[in-house]
Amino acid sequence: MKKYVILLRGINVGGKNTLPMKALCELLDAEHYQNVKTYIQSGNVVLSAAQRPDDKLSHMIERRFGFVPAIMSLSEAEFLNTVKRNPFTTEDGKSLHFYFCNTAPRLDAERLQSLAAVTERYELVGKVFYLHAPDGIGRSKLAAKVEACLGVPTTARNLNTVNKLVELLKAD
């Protein structure tokens, strides 16, 4: 069995794609996934499985909840590598965001530069785009347009959430 971090995109936002984490845990348990743990209602799951659960999980959620969320799964090693490769040293967990992409981004560097505030720093490492926005992610013009600048679908998690997922991976 390998451990995986599952990131569900666009669930429990604005009353759409409602997916209670308790019900998701019950569904995953019924499908014999092991050590299932969730963190907050935005679709963060750590579990153990014999194989990467992407497609199977999408179908399970569609059958039970009536919609197909985008799912990004990373093995424990892949997820820990994204943390290790983080180019920023801030301790402010709300100002640093990891944008996870399933496929390699097609960066629009000119647009990124035009949207970034003077205080913002960003870097693409593999399939993860790191954005440090010390003035707040809600004020960031770049944060609002990241996906368009990357040219691929993405799902973001702040450093606080990433750190909590690391804790869940290490718990047992």
N, C-alpha and C. Protein backbone atom coordinates (compact mmCIF):
# COMPACT_ATOMS: atom_id res chain seq x y z
N MET A 1 0.84 -1.19 0.00
CA MET A 1 0.00 0.00 0.00
C MET A 1 0.88 1.25 0.00
N LYS A 2 0.49 2.21 -0.82
CA LYS A 2 1.19 3.48 -0.86
C LYS A 2 0.27 4.56 -0.32
N LYS A 3 0.87 5.60 0.23
CA LYS A 3 0.09 6.74 0.69
C LYS A 3 -0.04 7.76 -0.45
N TYR A 4 -1.21 8.39 -0.50
CA TYR A 4 -1.48 9.41 -1.51
C TYR A 4 -2.12 10.63 -0.86
N VAL A 5 -1.83 11.78 -1.44
CA VAL A 5 -2.55 13.01 -1.12
C VAL A 5 -3.46 13.26 -2.30
N ILE A 6 -4.75 13.40 -2.02
CA ILE A 6 -5.76 13.65 -3.04
C ILE A 6 -6.25 15.09 -2.86
N LEU A 7 -6.18 15.87 -3.93
CA LEU A 7 -6.66 17.25 -3.91
C LEU A 7 -7.83 17.34 -4.88
N LEU A 8 -9.01 17.62 -4.33
CA LEU A 8 -10.20 17.76 -5.16
C LEU A 8 -10.38 19.24 -5.47
N ARG A 9 -10.69 19.53 -6.71
CA ARG A 9 -10.80 20.91 -7.16
C ARG A 9 -12.26 21.33 -7.27
N GLY A 10 -12.55 22.51 -6.74
CA GLY A 10 -13.86 23.13 -6.95
C GLY A 10 -15.01 22.47 -6.24
N ILE A 11 -14.78 21.93 -5.05
CA ILE A 11 -15.89 21.36 -4.31
C ILE A 11 -16.24 22.28 -3.13
N ASN A 12 -17.50 22.21 -2.71
CA ASN A 12 -17.99 22.97 -1.55
C ASN A 12 -17.72 24.47 -1.68
N VAL A 13 -17.85 24.98 -2.90
CA VAL A 13 -17.63 26.41 -3.14
C VAL A 13 -18.95 27.02 -3.60
N GLY A 14 -19.44 28.00 -2.87
CA GLY A 14 -20.66 28.71 -3.27
C GLY A 14 -21.88 27.83 -3.41
N GLY A 15 -21.96 26.78 -2.63
CA GLY A 15 -23.12 25.90 -2.67
C GLY A 15 -23.14 24.94 -3.84
N LYS A 16 -22.07 24.91 -4.61
CA LYS A 16 -22.00 24.00 -5.75
C LYS A 16 -21.06 22.84 -5.44
N ASN A 17 -21.32 21.71 -6.11
CA ASN A 17 -20.48 20.53 -5.95
C ASN A 17 -20.26 20.20 -4.47
N THR A 18 -21.37 20.09 -3.75
CA THR A 18 -21.30 19.81 -2.32
C THR A 18 -20.84 18.37 -2.08
N LEU A 19 -19.80 18.26 -1.27
CA LEU A 19 -19.22 16.97 -0.97
C LEU A 19 -18.75 16.98 0.48
N PRO A 20 -19.65 16.57 1.41
CA PRO A 20 -19.26 16.54 2.81
C PRO A 20 -18.10 15.57 3.03
N MET A 21 -17.11 15.98 3.76
CA MET A 21 -15.93 15.15 3.98
C MET A 21 -16.27 13.86 4.74
N LYS A 22 -17.22 13.94 5.66
CA LYS A 22 -17.62 12.73 6.39
C LYS A 22 -18.19 11.69 5.42
N ALA A 23 -19.03 12.13 4.50
CA ALA A 23 -19.62 11.21 3.52
C ALA A 23 -18.55 10.69 2.56
N LEU A 24 -17.59 11.53 2.22
CA LEU A 24 -16.49 11.08 1.36
C LEU A 24 -15.67 10.01 2.07
N CYS A 25 -15.37 10.21 3.34
CA CYS A 25 -14.62 9.21 4.13
C CYS A 25 -15.37 7.89 4.17
N GLU A 26 -16.69 7.95 4.38
CA GLU A 26 -17.49 6.73 4.41
C GLU A 26 -17.43 6.00 3.07
N LEU A 27 -17.50 6.76 1.99
CA LEU A 27 -17.43 6.18 0.64
C LEU A 27 -16.06 5.52 0.41
N LEU A 28 -15.02 6.21 0.80
CA LEU A 28 -13.66 5.68 0.62
C LEU A 28 -13.43 4.44 1.49
N ASP A 29 -13.94 4.47 2.71
CA ASP A 29 -13.84 3.29 3.59
C ASP A 29 -14.58 2.10 2.97
N ALA A 30 -15.77 2.35 2.44
CA ALA A 30 -16.57 1.29 1.83
C ALA A 30 -15.87 0.68 0.61
N GLU A 31 -15.03 1.47 -0.05
CA GLU A 31 -14.28 0.99 -1.22
C GLU A 31 -12.92 0.42 -0.83
N HIS A 32 -12.71 0.26 0.47
CA HIS A 32 -11.53 -0.40 1.02
C HIS A 32 -10.23 0.39 0.92
N TYR A 33 -10.35 1.71 0.83
CA TYR A 33 -9.15 2.53 0.99
C TYR A 33 -8.83 2.54 2.48
N GLN A 34 -7.57 2.69 2.81
CA GLN A 34 -7.18 2.60 4.21
C GLN A 34 -6.61 3.91 4.71
N ASN A 35 -6.66 4.06 6.04
CA ASN A 35 -6.09 5.24 6.72
C ASN A 35 -6.59 6.55 6.12
N VAL A 36 -7.88 6.62 5.84
CA VAL A 36 -8.46 7.80 5.20
C VAL A 36 -8.57 8.94 6.21
N LYS A 37 -8.00 10.07 5.83
CA LYS A 37 -8.07 11.27 6.66
C LYS A 37 -8.36 12.46 5.75
N THR A 38 -9.18 13.38 6.23
CA THR A 38 -9.46 14.59 5.47
C THR A 38 -9.07 15.80 6.29
N TYR A 39 -8.89 16.90 5.58
CA TYR A 39 -8.58 18.16 6.25
C TYR A 39 -9.43 19.26 5.63
N ILE A 40 -10.16 19.94 6.44
CA ILE A 40 -11.13 20.99 6.10
C ILE A 40 -12.03 20.56 4.94
N GLN A 41 -12.97 21.39 4.59
CA GLN A 41 -14.02 21.02 3.63
C GLN A 41 -13.66 21.29 2.17
N SER A 42 -12.41 21.67 1.90
CA SER A 42 -12.06 22.04 0.53
C SER A 42 -11.44 20.91 -0.28
N GLY A 43 -11.57 19.68 0.18
CA GLY A 43 -11.15 18.55 -0.63
C GLY A 43 -9.71 18.14 -0.49
N ASN A 44 -9.28 17.91 0.72
CA ASN A 44 -7.93 17.45 1.00
C ASN A 44 -8.03 16.09 1.67
N VAL A 45 -7.47 15.06 1.05
CA VAL A 45 -7.58 13.70 1.55
C VAL A 45 -6.20 13.05 1.55
N VAL A 46 -5.91 12.33 2.60
CA VAL A 46 -4.74 11.47 2.66
C VAL A 46 -5.27 10.06 2.87
N LEU A 47 -4.75 9.11 2.08
CA LEU A 47 -5.21 7.74 2.20
C LEU A 47 -4.12 6.77 1.73
N SER A 48 -4.35 5.51 2.01
CA SER A 48 -3.46 4.45 1.52
C SER A 48 -4.24 3.62 0.52
N ALA A 49 -3.55 3.26 -0.58
CA ALA A 49 -4.19 2.48 -1.63
C ALA A 49 -3.14 1.65 -2.36
N ALA A 50 -3.60 0.59 -3.00
CA ALA A 50 -2.70 -0.27 -3.76
C ALA A 50 -2.24 0.41 -5.05
N GLN A 51 -3.10 1.30 -5.59
CA GLN A 51 -2.75 2.04 -6.80
C GLN A 51 -3.36 3.43 -6.75
N ARG A 52 -2.85 4.31 -7.59
CA ARG A 52 -3.31 5.70 -7.65
C ARG A 52 -4.81 5.72 -7.92
N PRO A 53 -5.58 6.41 -7.09
CA PRO A 53 -7.05 6.30 -7.16
C PRO A 53 -7.78 7.30 -8.07
N ASP A 54 -7.11 8.04 -8.91
CA ASP A 54 -7.72 9.12 -9.69
C ASP A 54 -9.05 8.77 -10.35
N ASP A 55 -8.99 7.92 -11.39
CA ASP A 55 -10.19 7.63 -12.18
C ASP A 55 -11.27 6.94 -11.36
N LYS A 56 -10.88 5.99 -10.57
CA LYS A 56 -11.85 5.27 -9.75
C LYS A 56 -12.56 6.23 -8.80
N LEU A 57 -11.81 7.13 -8.19
CA LEU A 57 -12.39 8.09 -7.26
C LEU A 57 -13.36 9.03 -7.97
N SER A 58 -13.02 9.48 -9.16
CA SER A 58 -13.92 10.34 -9.93
C SER A 58 -15.25 9.65 -10.19
N HIS A 59 -15.18 8.39 -10.60
CA HIS A 59 -16.41 7.63 -10.88
C HIS A 59 -17.23 7.40 -9.61
N MET A 60 -16.55 7.12 -8.50
CA MET A 60 -17.25 6.91 -7.23
C MET A 60 -18.00 8.17 -6.81
N ILE A 61 -17.36 9.31 -6.92
CA ILE A 61 -17.99 10.58 -6.53
C ILE A 61 -19.15 10.90 -7.47
N GLU A 62 -18.98 10.66 -8.75
CA GLU A 62 -20.06 10.92 -9.69
C GLU A 62 -21.29 10.06 -9.37
N ARG A 63 -21.07 8.78 -9.12
CA ARG A 63 -22.20 7.89 -8.81
C ARG A 63 -22.91 8.31 -7.53
N ARG A 64 -22.15 8.70 -6.53
CA ARG A 64 -22.74 8.99 -5.21
C ARG A 64 -23.25 10.42 -5.08
N PHE A 65 -22.51 11.39 -5.67
CA PHE A 65 -22.83 12.80 -5.43
C PHE A 65 -23.30 13.55 -6.67
N GLY A 66 -23.21 12.93 -7.85
CA GLY A 66 -23.78 13.50 -9.06
C GLY A 66 -22.93 14.52 -9.80
N PHE A 67 -21.65 14.59 -9.52
CA PHE A 67 -20.76 15.47 -10.27
C PHE A 67 -19.37 14.86 -10.30
N VAL A 68 -18.55 15.32 -11.23
CA VAL A 68 -17.20 14.80 -11.37
C VAL A 68 -16.21 15.93 -11.05
N PRO A 69 -15.60 15.86 -9.89
CA PRO A 69 -14.60 16.88 -9.56
C PRO A 69 -13.27 16.56 -10.24
N ALA A 70 -12.51 17.60 -10.53
CA ALA A 70 -11.14 17.37 -10.98
C ALA A 70 -10.36 16.88 -9.78
N ILE A 71 -9.56 15.86 -10.00
CA ILE A 71 -8.81 15.24 -8.91
C ILE A 71 -7.33 15.23 -9.26
N MET A 72 -6.55 15.67 -8.32
CA MET A 72 -5.10 15.58 -8.47
C MET A 72 -4.59 14.71 -7.34
N SER A 73 -3.92 13.65 -7.70
CA SER A 73 -3.37 12.79 -6.65
C SER A 73 -1.86 12.77 -6.78
N LEU A 74 -1.23 12.80 -5.64
CA LEU A 74 0.22 12.75 -5.57
C LEU A 74 0.62 11.66 -4.58
N SER A 75 1.59 10.88 -4.96
CA SER A 75 2.10 9.90 -4.01
C SER A 75 2.74 10.66 -2.86
N GLU A 76 2.96 9.97 -1.77
CA GLU A 76 3.61 10.59 -0.62
C GLU A 76 4.94 11.23 -1.03
N ALA A 77 5.73 10.51 -1.80
CA ALA A 77 7.04 11.03 -2.24
C ALA A 77 6.88 12.26 -3.12
N GLU A 78 5.92 12.23 -4.04
CA GLU A 78 5.69 13.39 -4.92
C GLU A 78 5.27 14.61 -4.11
N PHE A 79 4.36 14.40 -3.15
CA PHE A 79 3.88 15.52 -2.36
C PHE A 79 5.00 16.10 -1.50
N LEU A 80 5.74 15.24 -0.83
CA LEU A 80 6.84 15.71 0.02
C LEU A 80 7.91 16.42 -0.83
N ASN A 81 8.07 15.99 -2.06
CA ASN A 81 9.02 16.64 -2.96
C ASN A 81 8.57 18.07 -3.29
N THR A 82 7.25 18.28 -3.44
CA THR A 82 6.77 19.64 -3.72
C THR A 82 7.06 20.56 -2.53
N VAL A 83 7.00 20.01 -1.34
CA VAL A 83 7.31 20.80 -0.14
C VAL A 83 8.80 21.10 -0.11
N LYS A 84 9.59 20.09 -0.38
CA LYS A 84 11.05 20.25 -0.36
C LYS A 84 11.52 21.26 -1.41
N ARG A 85 10.86 21.28 -2.56
CA ARG A 85 11.26 22.16 -3.67
C ARG A 85 10.70 23.57 -3.55
N ASN A 86 9.94 23.85 -2.52
CA ASN A 86 9.39 25.18 -2.30
C ASN A 86 10.54 26.20 -2.26
N PRO A 87 10.54 27.18 -3.15
CA PRO A 87 11.65 28.12 -3.21
C PRO A 87 11.58 29.25 -2.19
N PHE A 88 10.51 29.32 -1.41
CA PHE A 88 10.33 30.45 -0.49
C PHE A 88 10.46 30.00 0.96
N THR A 89 10.96 30.89 1.81
CA THR A 89 11.23 30.53 3.20
C THR A 89 10.25 31.14 4.19
N THR A 90 9.20 31.74 3.74
CA THR A 90 8.25 32.38 4.64
C THR A 90 7.61 31.39 5.61
N GLU A 91 7.32 31.89 6.79
CA GLU A 91 6.58 31.11 7.79
C GLU A 91 5.09 31.47 7.76
N ASP A 92 4.74 32.51 7.00
CA ASP A 92 3.36 32.99 6.90
C ASP A 92 2.58 32.04 5.99
N GLY A 93 1.85 31.14 6.61
CA GLY A 93 1.15 30.10 5.88
C GLY A 93 0.03 30.56 4.99
N LYS A 94 -0.45 31.77 5.18
CA LYS A 94 -1.53 32.27 4.33
C LYS A 94 -1.02 33.03 3.11
N SER A 95 0.24 33.44 3.13
CA SER A 95 0.75 34.25 2.01
C SER A 95 1.43 33.42 0.93
N LEU A 96 1.70 32.16 1.20
CA LEU A 96 2.35 31.30 0.21
C LEU A 96 1.37 30.24 -0.27
N HIS A 97 1.20 30.17 -1.58
CA HIS A 97 0.28 29.20 -2.17
C HIS A 97 1.01 28.30 -3.16
N PHE A 98 0.61 27.03 -3.14
CA PHE A 98 1.11 26.02 -4.06
C PHE A 98 -0.03 25.77 -5.05
N TYR A 99 0.22 25.96 -6.34
CA TYR A 99 -0.76 25.68 -7.38
C TYR A 99 -0.34 24.38 -8.06
N PHE A 100 -1.11 23.32 -7.82
CA PHE A 100 -0.79 22.00 -8.35
C PHE A 100 -1.45 21.83 -9.72
N CYS A 101 -0.68 21.32 -10.68
CA CYS A 101 -1.17 21.10 -12.04
C CYS A 101 -0.99 19.62 -12.39
N ASN A 102 -1.98 19.05 -13.07
CA ASN A 102 -1.86 17.66 -13.51
C ASN A 102 -0.92 17.51 -14.70
N THR A 103 -0.86 18.55 -15.52
CA THR A 103 0.01 18.51 -16.69
C THR A 103 0.96 19.70 -16.64
N ALA A 104 1.99 19.64 -17.44
CA ALA A 104 2.99 20.70 -17.45
C ALA A 104 2.37 22.02 -17.91
N PRO A 105 2.52 23.08 -17.12
CA PRO A 105 1.98 24.38 -17.50
C PRO A 105 2.66 24.96 -18.73
N ARG A 106 1.92 25.79 -19.43
CA ARG A 106 2.42 26.55 -20.58
C ARG A 106 2.43 28.02 -20.16
N LEU A 107 3.48 28.41 -19.49
CA LEU A 107 3.58 29.73 -18.87
C LEU A 107 3.46 30.88 -19.85
N ASP A 108 2.65 31.85 -19.49
CA ASP A 108 2.61 33.13 -20.19
C ASP A 108 3.41 34.10 -19.32
N ALA A 109 4.73 34.09 -19.47
CA ALA A 109 5.63 34.86 -18.60
C ALA A 109 5.35 36.35 -18.64
N GLU A 110 5.01 36.86 -19.80
CA GLU A 110 4.74 38.30 -19.92
C GLU A 110 3.50 38.69 -19.11
N ARG A 111 2.48 37.89 -19.21
CA ARG A 111 1.25 38.17 -18.46
C ARG A 111 1.50 38.04 -16.95
N LEU A 112 2.26 37.02 -16.54
CA LEU A 112 2.59 36.85 -15.13
C LEU A 112 3.26 38.12 -14.59
N GLN A 113 4.25 38.60 -15.32
CA GLN A 113 4.98 39.80 -14.88
C GLN A 113 4.06 41.01 -14.80
N SER A 114 3.15 41.13 -15.76
CA SER A 114 2.28 42.30 -15.78
C SER A 114 1.26 42.29 -14.63
N LEU A 115 0.90 41.11 -14.15
CA LEU A 115 -0.09 40.99 -13.08
C LEU A 115 0.51 41.01 -11.67
N ALA A 116 1.76 40.61 -11.55
CA ALA A 116 2.39 40.49 -10.23
C ALA A 116 2.60 41.86 -9.59
N ALA A 117 2.23 41.96 -8.32
CA ALA A 117 2.50 43.18 -7.55
C ALA A 117 4.01 43.23 -7.26
N VAL A 118 4.48 44.40 -6.90
CA VAL A 118 5.90 44.60 -6.62
C VAL A 118 6.39 43.66 -5.52
N THR A 119 5.54 43.39 -4.55
CA THR A 119 5.96 42.55 -3.41
C THR A 119 5.82 41.05 -3.67
N GLU A 120 5.17 40.67 -4.74
CA GLU A 120 4.92 39.26 -5.01
C GLU A 120 6.10 38.58 -5.70
N ARG A 121 6.30 37.33 -5.31
CA ARG A 121 7.33 36.51 -5.94
C ARG A 121 6.66 35.19 -6.35
N TYR A 122 7.12 34.64 -7.45
CA TYR A 122 6.57 33.37 -7.92
C TYR A 122 7.65 32.58 -8.63
N GLU A 123 7.40 31.27 -8.68
CA GLU A 123 8.31 30.38 -9.39
C GLU A 123 7.58 29.11 -9.76
N LEU A 124 7.86 28.64 -10.96
CA LEU A 124 7.32 27.36 -11.42
C LEU A 124 8.42 26.31 -11.26
N VAL A 125 8.11 25.24 -10.54
CA VAL A 125 9.05 24.14 -10.35
C VAL A 125 8.30 22.87 -10.74
N GLY A 126 8.65 22.31 -11.88
CA GLY A 126 7.94 21.13 -12.36
C GLY A 126 6.49 21.48 -12.67
N LYS A 127 5.57 20.78 -12.03
CA LYS A 127 4.15 21.02 -12.25
C LYS A 127 3.50 21.75 -11.07
N VAL A 128 4.32 22.47 -10.30
CA VAL A 128 3.80 23.25 -9.17
C VAL A 128 4.26 24.70 -9.34
N PHE A 129 3.29 25.60 -9.25
CA PHE A 129 3.56 27.03 -9.32
C PHE A 129 3.44 27.57 -7.89
N TYR A 130 4.51 28.17 -7.41
CA TYR A 130 4.55 28.71 -6.05
C TYR A 130 4.36 30.22 -6.13
N LEU A 131 3.44 30.74 -5.35
CA LEU A 131 3.18 32.19 -5.32
C LEU A 131 3.25 32.69 -3.89
N HIS A 132 4.17 33.61 -3.65
CA HIS A 132 4.26 34.27 -2.35
C HIS A 132 3.68 35.67 -2.51
N ALA A 133 2.55 35.90 -1.84
CA ALA A 133 1.83 37.18 -1.93
C ALA A 133 1.72 37.76 -0.52
N PRO A 134 2.76 38.45 -0.04
CA PRO A 134 2.79 38.92 1.35
C PRO A 134 1.73 39.96 1.68
N ASP A 135 1.16 40.62 0.67
CA ASP A 135 0.11 41.61 0.92
C ASP A 135 -1.27 40.98 0.97
N GLY A 136 -1.35 39.67 0.78
CA GLY A 136 -2.62 38.94 0.86
C GLY A 136 -3.02 38.37 -0.48
N ILE A 137 -3.44 37.15 -0.47
CA ILE A 137 -3.84 36.47 -1.69
C ILE A 137 -5.14 37.05 -2.26
N GLY A 138 -6.00 37.55 -1.38
CA GLY A 138 -7.26 38.14 -1.82
C GLY A 138 -7.08 39.44 -2.58
N ARG A 139 -6.00 40.11 -2.37
CA ARG A 139 -5.70 41.37 -3.07
C ARG A 139 -4.89 41.17 -4.34
N SER A 140 -4.40 39.98 -4.53
CA SER A 140 -3.47 39.70 -5.62
C SER A 140 -4.17 39.57 -6.97
N LYS A 141 -3.80 40.43 -7.91
CA LYS A 141 -4.32 40.31 -9.28
C LYS A 141 -3.77 39.04 -9.93
N LEU A 142 -2.54 38.71 -9.59
CA LEU A 142 -1.92 37.51 -10.15
C LEU A 142 -2.65 36.25 -9.67
N ALA A 143 -2.95 36.18 -8.39
CA ALA A 143 -3.64 35.00 -7.85
C ALA A 143 -4.97 34.78 -8.56
N ALA A 144 -5.66 35.85 -8.88
CA ALA A 144 -6.96 35.73 -9.55
C ALA A 144 -6.84 35.22 -10.98
N LYS A 145 -5.66 35.36 -11.58
CA LYS A 145 -5.47 34.99 -12.99
C LYS A 145 -4.42 33.89 -13.20
N VAL A 146 -3.98 33.25 -12.12
CA VAL A 146 -2.91 32.26 -12.24
C VAL A 146 -3.23 31.20 -13.28
N GLU A 147 -4.43 30.64 -13.21
CA GLU A 147 -4.76 29.54 -14.11
C GLU A 147 -4.64 29.96 -15.57
N ALA A 148 -5.10 31.15 -15.89
CA ALA A 148 -4.99 31.64 -17.27
C ALA A 148 -3.52 31.82 -17.65
N CYS A 149 -2.70 32.23 -16.72
CA CYS A 149 -1.27 32.41 -16.99
C CYS A 149 -0.53 31.09 -17.15
N LEU A 150 -1.04 30.05 -16.50
CA LEU A 150 -0.40 28.74 -16.58
C LEU A 150 -0.89 27.93 -17.78
N GLY A 151 -2.09 28.25 -18.25
CA GLY A 151 -2.62 27.58 -19.43
C GLY A 151 -3.11 26.16 -19.19
N VAL A 152 -3.23 25.76 -17.92
CA VAL A 152 -3.75 24.43 -17.58
C VAL A 152 -4.57 24.54 -16.29
N PRO A 153 -5.50 23.61 -16.08
CA PRO A 153 -6.25 23.62 -14.81
C PRO A 153 -5.31 23.42 -13.63
N THR A 154 -5.66 24.03 -12.52
CA THR A 154 -4.84 23.95 -11.32
C THR A 154 -5.72 23.97 -10.09
N THR A 155 -5.19 23.53 -8.99
CA THR A 155 -5.86 23.68 -7.70
C THR A 155 -4.81 24.16 -6.71
N ALA A 156 -5.19 25.12 -5.89
CA ALA A 156 -4.22 25.76 -5.00
C ALA A 156 -4.47 25.39 -3.55
N ARG A 157 -3.39 25.34 -2.80
CA ARG A 157 -3.44 25.14 -1.36
C ARG A 157 -2.41 26.07 -0.73
N ASN A 158 -2.80 26.68 0.39
CA ASN A 158 -1.82 27.55 1.06
C ASN A 158 -0.86 26.70 1.89
N LEU A 159 0.19 27.35 2.35
CA LEU A 159 1.23 26.65 3.09
C LEU A 159 0.69 26.00 4.36
N ASN A 160 -0.27 26.64 5.02
CA ASN A 160 -0.88 26.03 6.22
C ASN A 160 -1.49 24.67 5.88
N THR A 161 -2.24 24.62 4.80
CA THR A 161 -2.89 23.37 4.38
C THR A 161 -1.84 22.34 3.97
N VAL A 162 -0.85 22.77 3.22
CA VAL A 162 0.22 21.85 2.80
C VAL A 162 0.91 21.26 4.03
N ASN A 163 1.21 22.10 5.00
CA ASN A 163 1.86 21.60 6.22
C ASN A 163 0.98 20.61 6.97
N LYS A 164 -0.32 20.86 7.01
CA LYS A 164 -1.24 19.94 7.68
C LYS A 164 -1.29 18.60 6.94
N LEU A 165 -1.26 18.63 5.62
CA LEU A 165 -1.26 17.39 4.84
C LEU A 165 0.04 16.60 5.09
N VAL A 166 1.15 17.30 5.26
CA VAL A 166 2.40 16.62 5.61
C VAL A 166 2.25 15.93 6.96
N GLU A 167 1.64 16.61 7.92
CA GLU A 167 1.39 16.00 9.24
C GLU A 167 0.55 14.73 9.11
N LEU A 168 -0.51 14.80 8.29
CA LEU A 168 -1.38 13.64 8.11
C LEU A 168 -0.63 12.49 7.44
N LEU A 169 0.26 12.80 6.50
CA LEU A 169 1.06 11.75 5.87
C LEU A 169 1.96 11.05 6.88
N LYS A 170 2.49 11.82 7.80
CA LYS A 170 3.45 11.27 8.76
C LYS A 170 2.78 10.60 9.95
N ALA A 171 1.49 10.85 10.15
CA ALA A 171 0.76 10.26 11.28
C ALA A 171 0.46 8.79 10.99
N ASP A 172 0.62 7.98 11.98
CA ASP A 172 0.22 6.55 11.90
C ASP A 172 0.59 5.85 13.14
